[in-house]
Amino acid sequence: KGHNLDLTFSLSEKADFTLSFACISD
């Protein structure tokens, strides 16, 4: 919701990762 974010994703083992990221900012 329009915030400053710091995101870290660490993948290991059998990771199969799909990210759907949405943002609305004014």
PDB file of all heavy atoms in Angstrom:
ATOM      1  N   LYS A   1       0.823  -1.207   0.000  1.00  0.00           N
ATOM      2  CA  LYS A   1       0.000   0.000   0.000  1.00  0.00           C
ATOM      3  C   LYS A   1       0.863   1.267   0.000  1.00  0.00           C
ATOM      4  O   LYS A   1       0.707   2.147   0.839  1.00  0.00           O
ATOM      5  CB  LYS A   1      -0.917  -0.015   1.216  1.00  0.00           C
ATOM      6  CG  LYS A   1      -2.002  -1.090   1.184  1.00  0.00           C
ATOM      7  CD  LYS A   1      -2.738  -1.136   2.513  1.00  0.00           C
ATOM      8  CE  LYS A   1      -3.975  -1.977   2.454  1.00  0.00           C
ATOM      9  NZ  LYS A   1      -5.114  -1.309   1.804  1.00  0.00           N
ATOM     10  N   GLY A   2       1.815   1.336  -0.921  1.00  0.00           N
ATOM     11  CA  GLY A   2       2.616   2.542  -1.089  1.00  0.00           C
ATOM     12  C   GLY A   2       3.685   2.753  -0.039  1.00  0.00           C
ATOM     13  O   GLY A   2       4.030   3.902   0.266  1.00  0.00           O
ATOM     14  N   HIS A   3       4.246   1.690   0.526  1.00  0.00           N
ATOM     15  CA  HIS A   3       5.264   1.819   1.571  1.00  0.00           C
ATOM     16  C   HIS A   3       6.651   1.502   1.021  1.00  0.00           C
ATOM     17  O   HIS A   3       6.804   0.782   0.038  1.00  0.00           O
ATOM     18  CB  HIS A   3       4.946   0.874   2.736  1.00  0.00           C
ATOM     19  CG  HIS A   3       3.628   1.157   3.383  1.00  0.00           C
ATOM     20  ND1 HIS A   3       3.381   2.306   4.101  1.00  0.00           N
ATOM     21  CD2 HIS A   3       2.467   0.452   3.399  1.00  0.00           C
ATOM     22  CE1 HIS A   3       2.140   2.293   4.542  1.00  0.00           C
ATOM     23  NE2 HIS A   3       1.556   1.183   4.125  1.00  0.00           N
ATOM     24  N   ASN A   4       7.668   2.059   1.691  1.00  0.00           N
ATOM     25  CA  ASN A   4       9.048   1.748   1.345  1.00  0.00           C
ATOM     26  C   ASN A   4       9.391   0.377   1.928  1.00  0.00           C
ATOM     27  O   ASN A   4       9.332   0.177   3.140  1.00  0.00           O
ATOM     28  CB  ASN A   4       9.995   2.812   1.909  1.00  0.00           C
ATOM     29  CG  ASN A   4       9.781   4.169   1.272  1.00  0.00           C
ATOM     30  OD1 ASN A   4       9.800   4.298   0.052  1.00  0.00           O
ATOM     31  ND2 ASN A   4       9.556   5.183   2.089  1.00  0.00           N
ATOM     32  N   LEU A   5       9.734  -0.548   1.042  1.00  0.00           N
ATOM     33  CA  LEU A   5       9.991  -1.911   1.473  1.00  0.00           C
ATOM     34  C   LEU A   5      11.374  -2.375   1.052  1.00  0.00           C
ATOM     35  O   LEU A   5      11.886  -1.989  -0.004  1.00  0.00           O
ATOM     36  CB  LEU A   5       8.955  -2.869   0.867  1.00  0.00           C
ATOM     37  CG  LEU A   5       7.482  -2.647   1.217  1.00  0.00           C
ATOM     38  CD1 LEU A   5       6.632  -3.701   0.516  1.00  0.00           C
ATOM     39  CD2 LEU A   5       7.263  -2.694   2.724  1.00  0.00           C
ATOM     40  N   ASP A   6      11.957  -3.225   1.897  1.00  0.00           N
ATOM     41  CA  ASP A   6      13.208  -3.898   1.589  1.00  0.00           C
ATOM     42  C   ASP A   6      12.925  -5.397   1.739  1.00  0.00           C
ATOM     43  O   ASP A   6      12.728  -5.885   2.853  1.00  0.00           O
ATOM     44  CB  ASP A   6      14.315  -3.449   2.542  1.00  0.00           C
ATOM     45  CG  ASP A   6      15.674  -3.965   2.113  1.00  0.00           C
ATOM     46  OD1 ASP A   6      15.975  -5.159   2.371  1.00  0.00           O
ATOM     47  OD2 ASP A   6      16.436  -3.189   1.523  1.00  0.00           O
ATOM     48  N   LEU A   7      12.893  -6.108   0.617  1.00  0.00           N
ATOM     49  CA  LEU A   7      12.467  -7.505   0.616  1.00  0.00           C
ATOM     50  C   LEU A   7      13.601  -8.405   0.143  1.00  0.00           C
ATOM     51  O   LEU A   7      14.218  -8.144  -0.895  1.00  0.00           O
ATOM     52  CB  LEU A   7      11.266  -7.687  -0.316  1.00  0.00           C
ATOM     53  CG  LEU A   7      10.062  -6.774  -0.086  1.00  0.00           C
ATOM     54  CD1 LEU A   7       9.063  -6.907  -1.231  1.00  0.00           C
ATOM     55  CD2 LEU A   7       9.397  -7.101   1.245  1.00  0.00           C
ATOM     56  N   THR A   8      13.863  -9.463   0.906  1.00  0.00           N
ATOM     57  CA  THR A   8      14.886 -10.434   0.530  1.00  0.00           C
ATOM     58  C   THR A   8      14.286 -11.834   0.535  1.00  0.00           C
ATOM     59  O   THR A   8      13.660 -12.241   1.521  1.00  0.00           O
ATOM     60  CB  THR A   8      16.080 -10.400   1.498  1.00  0.00           C
ATOM     61  OG1 THR A   8      16.671  -9.096   1.479  1.00  0.00           O
ATOM     62  CG2 THR A   8      17.140 -11.414   1.096  1.00  0.00           C
ATOM     63  N   PHE A   9      14.479 -12.563  -0.559  1.00  0.00           N
ATOM     64  CA  PHE A   9      13.986 -13.928  -0.679  1.00  0.00           C
ATOM     65  C   PHE A   9      15.167 -14.869  -0.874  1.00  0.00           C
ATOM     66  O   PHE A   9      15.934 -14.709  -1.833  1.00  0.00           O
ATOM     67  CB  PHE A   9      13.018 -14.043  -1.861  1.00  0.00           C
ATOM     68  CG  PHE A   9      11.820 -13.140  -1.751  1.00  0.00           C
ATOM     69  CD1 PHE A   9      11.841 -11.866  -2.298  1.00  0.00           C
ATOM     70  CD2 PHE A   9      10.682 -13.555  -1.080  1.00  0.00           C
ATOM     71  CE1 PHE A   9      10.753 -11.022  -2.195  1.00  0.00           C
ATOM     72  CE2 PHE A   9       9.573 -12.718  -0.967  1.00  0.00           C
ATOM     73  CZ  PHE A   9       9.609 -11.446  -1.527  1.00  0.00           C
ATOM     74  N   SER A  10      15.327 -15.832   0.037  1.00  0.00           N
ATOM     75  CA  SER A  10      16.432 -16.785  -0.031  1.00  0.00           C
ATOM     76  C   SER A  10      15.884 -18.148  -0.431  1.00  0.00           C
ATOM     77  O   SER A  10      15.048 -18.726   0.276  1.00  0.00           O
ATOM     78  CB  SER A  10      17.140 -16.875   1.327  1.00  0.00           C
ATOM     79  OG  SER A  10      17.680 -15.616   1.688  1.00  0.00           O
ATOM     80  N   LEU A  11      16.370 -18.663  -1.561  1.00  0.00           N
ATOM     81  CA  LEU A  11      15.875 -19.921  -2.104  1.00  0.00           C
ATOM     82  C   LEU A  11      16.885 -21.037  -1.857  1.00  0.00           C
ATOM     83  O   LEU A  11      18.080 -20.874  -2.154  1.00  0.00           O
ATOM     84  CB  LEU A  11      15.624 -19.799  -3.611  1.00  0.00           C
ATOM     85  CG  LEU A  11      14.327 -19.140  -4.070  1.00  0.00           C
ATOM     86  CD1 LEU A  11      14.163 -17.734  -3.513  1.00  0.00           C
ATOM     87  CD2 LEU A  11      14.243 -19.121  -5.580  1.00  0.00           C
ATOM     88  N   SER A  12      16.402 -22.159  -1.323  1.00  0.00           N
ATOM     89  CA  SER A  12      17.277 -23.298  -1.070  1.00  0.00           C
ATOM     90  C   SER A  12      16.500 -24.597  -1.276  1.00  0.00           C
ATOM     91  O   SER A  12      15.295 -24.586  -1.545  1.00  0.00           O
ATOM     92  CB  SER A  12      17.857 -23.225   0.347  1.00  0.00           C
ATOM     93  OG  SER A  12      16.828 -23.259   1.311  1.00  0.00           O
ATOM     94  N   GLU A  13      17.206 -25.712  -1.141  1.00  0.00           N
ATOM     95  CA  GLU A  13      16.627 -27.045  -1.286  1.00  0.00           C
ATOM     96  C   GLU A  13      15.881 -27.179  -2.620  1.00  0.00           C
ATOM     97  O   GLU A  13      16.484 -27.050  -3.667  1.00  0.00           O
ATOM     98  CB  GLU A  13      15.744 -27.368  -0.081  1.00  0.00           C
ATOM     99  CG  GLU A  13      16.532 -27.389   1.229  1.00  0.00           C
ATOM    100  CD  GLU A  13      15.694 -27.782   2.422  1.00  0.00           C
ATOM    101  OE1 GLU A  13      14.609 -28.378   2.240  1.00  0.00           O
ATOM    102  OE2 GLU A  13      16.134 -27.503   3.554  1.00  0.00           O
ATOM    103  N   LYS A  14      14.552 -27.357  -2.599  1.00  0.00           N
ATOM    104  CA  LYS A  14      13.787 -27.565  -3.830  1.00  0.00           C
ATOM    105  C   LYS A  14      12.921 -26.346  -4.168  1.00  0.00           C
ATOM    106  O   LYS A  14      11.825 -26.485  -4.718  1.00  0.00           O
ATOM    107  CB  LYS A  14      12.901 -28.805  -3.701  1.00  0.00           C
ATOM    108  CG  LYS A  14      13.669 -30.085  -3.472  1.00  0.00           C
ATOM    109  CD  LYS A  14      12.719 -31.268  -3.326  1.00  0.00           C
ATOM    110  CE  LYS A  14      13.482 -32.564  -3.071  1.00  0.00           C
ATOM    111  NZ  LYS A  14      12.555 -33.720  -2.898  1.00  0.00           N
ATOM    112  N   ALA A  15      13.409 -25.173  -3.873  1.00  0.00           N
ATOM    113  CA  ALA A  15      12.611 -23.952  -4.050  1.00  0.00           C
ATOM    114  C   ALA A  15      12.235 -23.718  -5.516  1.00  0.00           C
ATOM    115  O   ALA A  15      13.083 -23.735  -6.406  1.00  0.00           O
ATOM    116  CB  ALA A  15      13.374 -22.754  -3.512  1.00  0.00           C
ATOM    117  N   ASP A  16      10.951 -23.517  -5.729  1.00  0.00           N
ATOM    118  CA  ASP A  16      10.386 -23.132  -7.023  1.00  0.00           C
ATOM    119  C   ASP A  16       9.432 -21.984  -6.705  1.00  0.00           C
ATOM    120  O   ASP A  16       8.277 -22.192  -6.354  1.00  0.00           O
ATOM    121  CB  ASP A  16       9.654 -24.323  -7.644  1.00  0.00           C
ATOM    122  CG  ASP A  16       9.079 -24.003  -9.017  1.00  0.00           C
ATOM    123  OD1 ASP A  16       9.060 -22.807  -9.387  1.00  0.00           O
ATOM    124  OD2 ASP A  16       8.623 -24.924  -9.709  1.00  0.00           O
ATOM    125  N   PHE A  17       9.924 -20.757  -6.837  1.00  0.00           N
ATOM    126  CA  PHE A  17       9.265 -19.586  -6.265  1.00  0.00           C
ATOM    127  C   PHE A  17       8.667 -18.695  -7.340  1.00  0.00           C
ATOM    128  O   PHE A  17       9.337 -18.293  -8.290  1.00  0.00           O
ATOM    129  CB  PHE A  17      10.286 -18.795  -5.450  1.00  0.00           C
ATOM    130  CG  PHE A  17       9.769 -17.521  -4.860  1.00  0.00           C
ATOM    131  CD1 PHE A  17       8.620 -17.507  -4.094  1.00  0.00           C
ATOM    132  CD2 PHE A  17      10.444 -16.319  -5.049  1.00  0.00           C
ATOM    133  CE1 PHE A  17       8.127 -16.331  -3.540  1.00  0.00           C
ATOM    134  CE2 PHE A  17       9.979 -15.136  -4.500  1.00  0.00           C
ATOM    135  CZ  PHE A  17       8.815 -15.146  -3.747  1.00  0.00           C
ATOM    136  N   THR A  18       7.383 -18.382  -7.173  1.00  0.00           N
ATOM    137  CA  THR A  18       6.704 -17.430  -8.052  1.00  0.00           C
ATOM    138  C   THR A  18       6.166 -16.281  -7.205  1.00  0.00           C
ATOM    139  O   THR A  18       5.430 -16.510  -6.249  1.00  0.00           O
ATOM    140  CB  THR A  18       5.544 -18.099  -8.804  1.00  0.00           C
ATOM    141  OG1 THR A  18       6.053 -19.190  -9.586  1.00  0.00           O
ATOM    142  CG2 THR A  18       4.858 -17.098  -9.728  1.00  0.00           C
ATOM    143  N   LEU A  19       6.551 -15.057  -7.551  1.00  0.00           N
ATOM    144  CA  LEU A  19       6.106 -13.871  -6.824  1.00  0.00           C
ATOM    145  C   LEU A  19       5.261 -12.990  -7.730  1.00  0.00           C
ATOM    146  O   LEU A  19       5.679 -12.626  -8.830  1.00  0.00           O
ATOM    147  CB  LEU A  19       7.303 -13.064  -6.318  1.00  0.00           C
ATOM    148  CG  LEU A  19       6.980 -11.683  -5.735  1.00  0.00           C
ATOM    149  CD1 LEU A  19       6.122 -11.805  -4.467  1.00  0.00           C
ATOM    150  CD2 LEU A  19       8.262 -10.903  -5.426  1.00  0.00           C
ATOM    151  N   SER A  20       4.063 -12.646  -7.250  1.00  0.00           N
ATOM    152  CA  SER A  20       3.210 -11.659  -7.915  1.00  0.00           C
ATOM    153  C   SER A  20       3.088 -10.468  -6.970  1.00  0.00           C
ATOM    154  O   SER A  20       2.338 -10.503  -5.996  1.00  0.00           O
ATOM    155  CB  SER A  20       1.830 -12.266  -8.216  1.00  0.00           C
ATOM    156  OG  SER A  20       1.001 -11.308  -8.833  1.00  0.00           O
ATOM    157  N   PHE A  21       3.851  -9.418  -7.264  1.00  0.00           N
ATOM    158  CA  PHE A  21       3.928  -8.242  -6.400  1.00  0.00           C
ATOM    159  C   PHE A  21       3.130  -7.108  -7.026  1.00  0.00           C
ATOM    160  O   PHE A  21       3.274  -6.811  -8.212  1.00  0.00           O
ATOM    161  CB  PHE A  21       5.390  -7.829  -6.222  1.00  0.00           C
ATOM    162  CG  PHE A  21       5.586  -6.601  -5.381  1.00  0.00           C
ATOM    163  CD1 PHE A  21       5.654  -6.688  -4.001  1.00  0.00           C
ATOM    164  CD2 PHE A  21       5.695  -5.348  -5.974  1.00  0.00           C
ATOM    165  CE1 PHE A  21       5.835  -5.561  -3.214  1.00  0.00           C
ATOM    166  CE2 PHE A  21       5.871  -4.209  -5.205  1.00  0.00           C
ATOM    167  CZ  PHE A  21       5.945  -4.314  -3.819  1.00  0.00           C
ATOM    168  N   ALA A  22       2.287  -6.457  -6.210  1.00  0.00           N
ATOM    169  CA  ALA A  22       1.474  -5.335  -6.695  1.00  0.00           C
ATOM    170  C   ALA A  22       1.637  -4.156  -5.747  1.00  0.00           C
ATOM    171  O   ALA A  22       1.725  -4.334  -4.531  1.00  0.00           O
ATOM    172  CB  ALA A  22       0.009  -5.739  -6.785  1.00  0.00           C
ATOM    173  N   CYS A  23       1.666  -2.947  -6.308  1.00  0.00           N
ATOM    174  CA  CYS A  23       1.856  -1.747  -5.484  1.00  0.00           C
ATOM    175  C   CYS A  23       1.050  -0.587  -6.064  1.00  0.00           C
ATOM    176  O   CYS A  23       1.042  -0.364  -7.279  1.00  0.00           O
ATOM    177  CB  CYS A  23       3.339  -1.384  -5.433  1.00  0.00           C
ATOM    178  SG  CYS A  23       3.713   0.108  -4.490  1.00  0.00           S
ATOM    179  N   ILE A  24       0.373   0.157  -5.178  1.00  0.00           N
ATOM    180  CA  ILE A  24      -0.300   1.403  -5.549  1.00  0.00           C
ATOM    181  C   ILE A  24       0.302   2.512  -4.694  1.00  0.00           C
ATOM    182  O   ILE A  24       0.308   2.414  -3.463  1.00  0.00           O
ATOM    183  CB  ILE A  24      -1.820   1.326  -5.311  1.00  0.00           C
ATOM    184  CG1 ILE A  24      -2.444   0.212  -6.153  1.00  0.00           C
ATOM    185  CG2 ILE A  24      -2.480   2.661  -5.643  1.00  0.00           C
ATOM    186  CD1 ILE A  24      -3.935   0.018  -5.903  1.00  0.00           C
ATOM    187  N   SER A  25       0.814   3.558  -5.328  1.00  0.00           N
ATOM    188  CA  SER A  25       1.474   4.626  -4.569  1.00  0.00           C
ATOM    189  C   SER A  25       1.082   6.000  -5.099  1.00  0.00           C
ATOM    190  O   SER A  25       1.018   6.218  -6.309  1.00  0.00           O
ATOM    191  CB  SER A  25       2.995   4.460  -4.653  1.00  0.00           C
ATOM    192  OG  SER A  25       3.650   5.500  -3.962  1.00  0.00           O
ATOM    193  N   ASP A  26       0.849   6.944  -4.156  1.00  0.00           N
ATOM    194  CA  ASP A  26       0.553   8.326  -4.536  1.00  0.00           C
ATOM    195  C   ASP A  26       1.612   9.289  -4.004  1.00  0.00           C
ATOM    196  O   ASP A  26       1.369  10.485  -3.873  1.00  0.00           O
ATOM    197  CB  ASP A  26      -0.839   8.731  -4.040  1.00  0.00           C
ATOM    198  CG  ASP A  26      -0.946   8.704  -2.522  1.00  0.00           C
ATOM    199  OD1 ASP A  26       0.036   8.309  -1.851  1.00  0.00           O
ATOM    200  OD2 ASP A  26      -2.020   9.070  -1.996  1.00  0.00           O
TER     201      ASP A  26
END
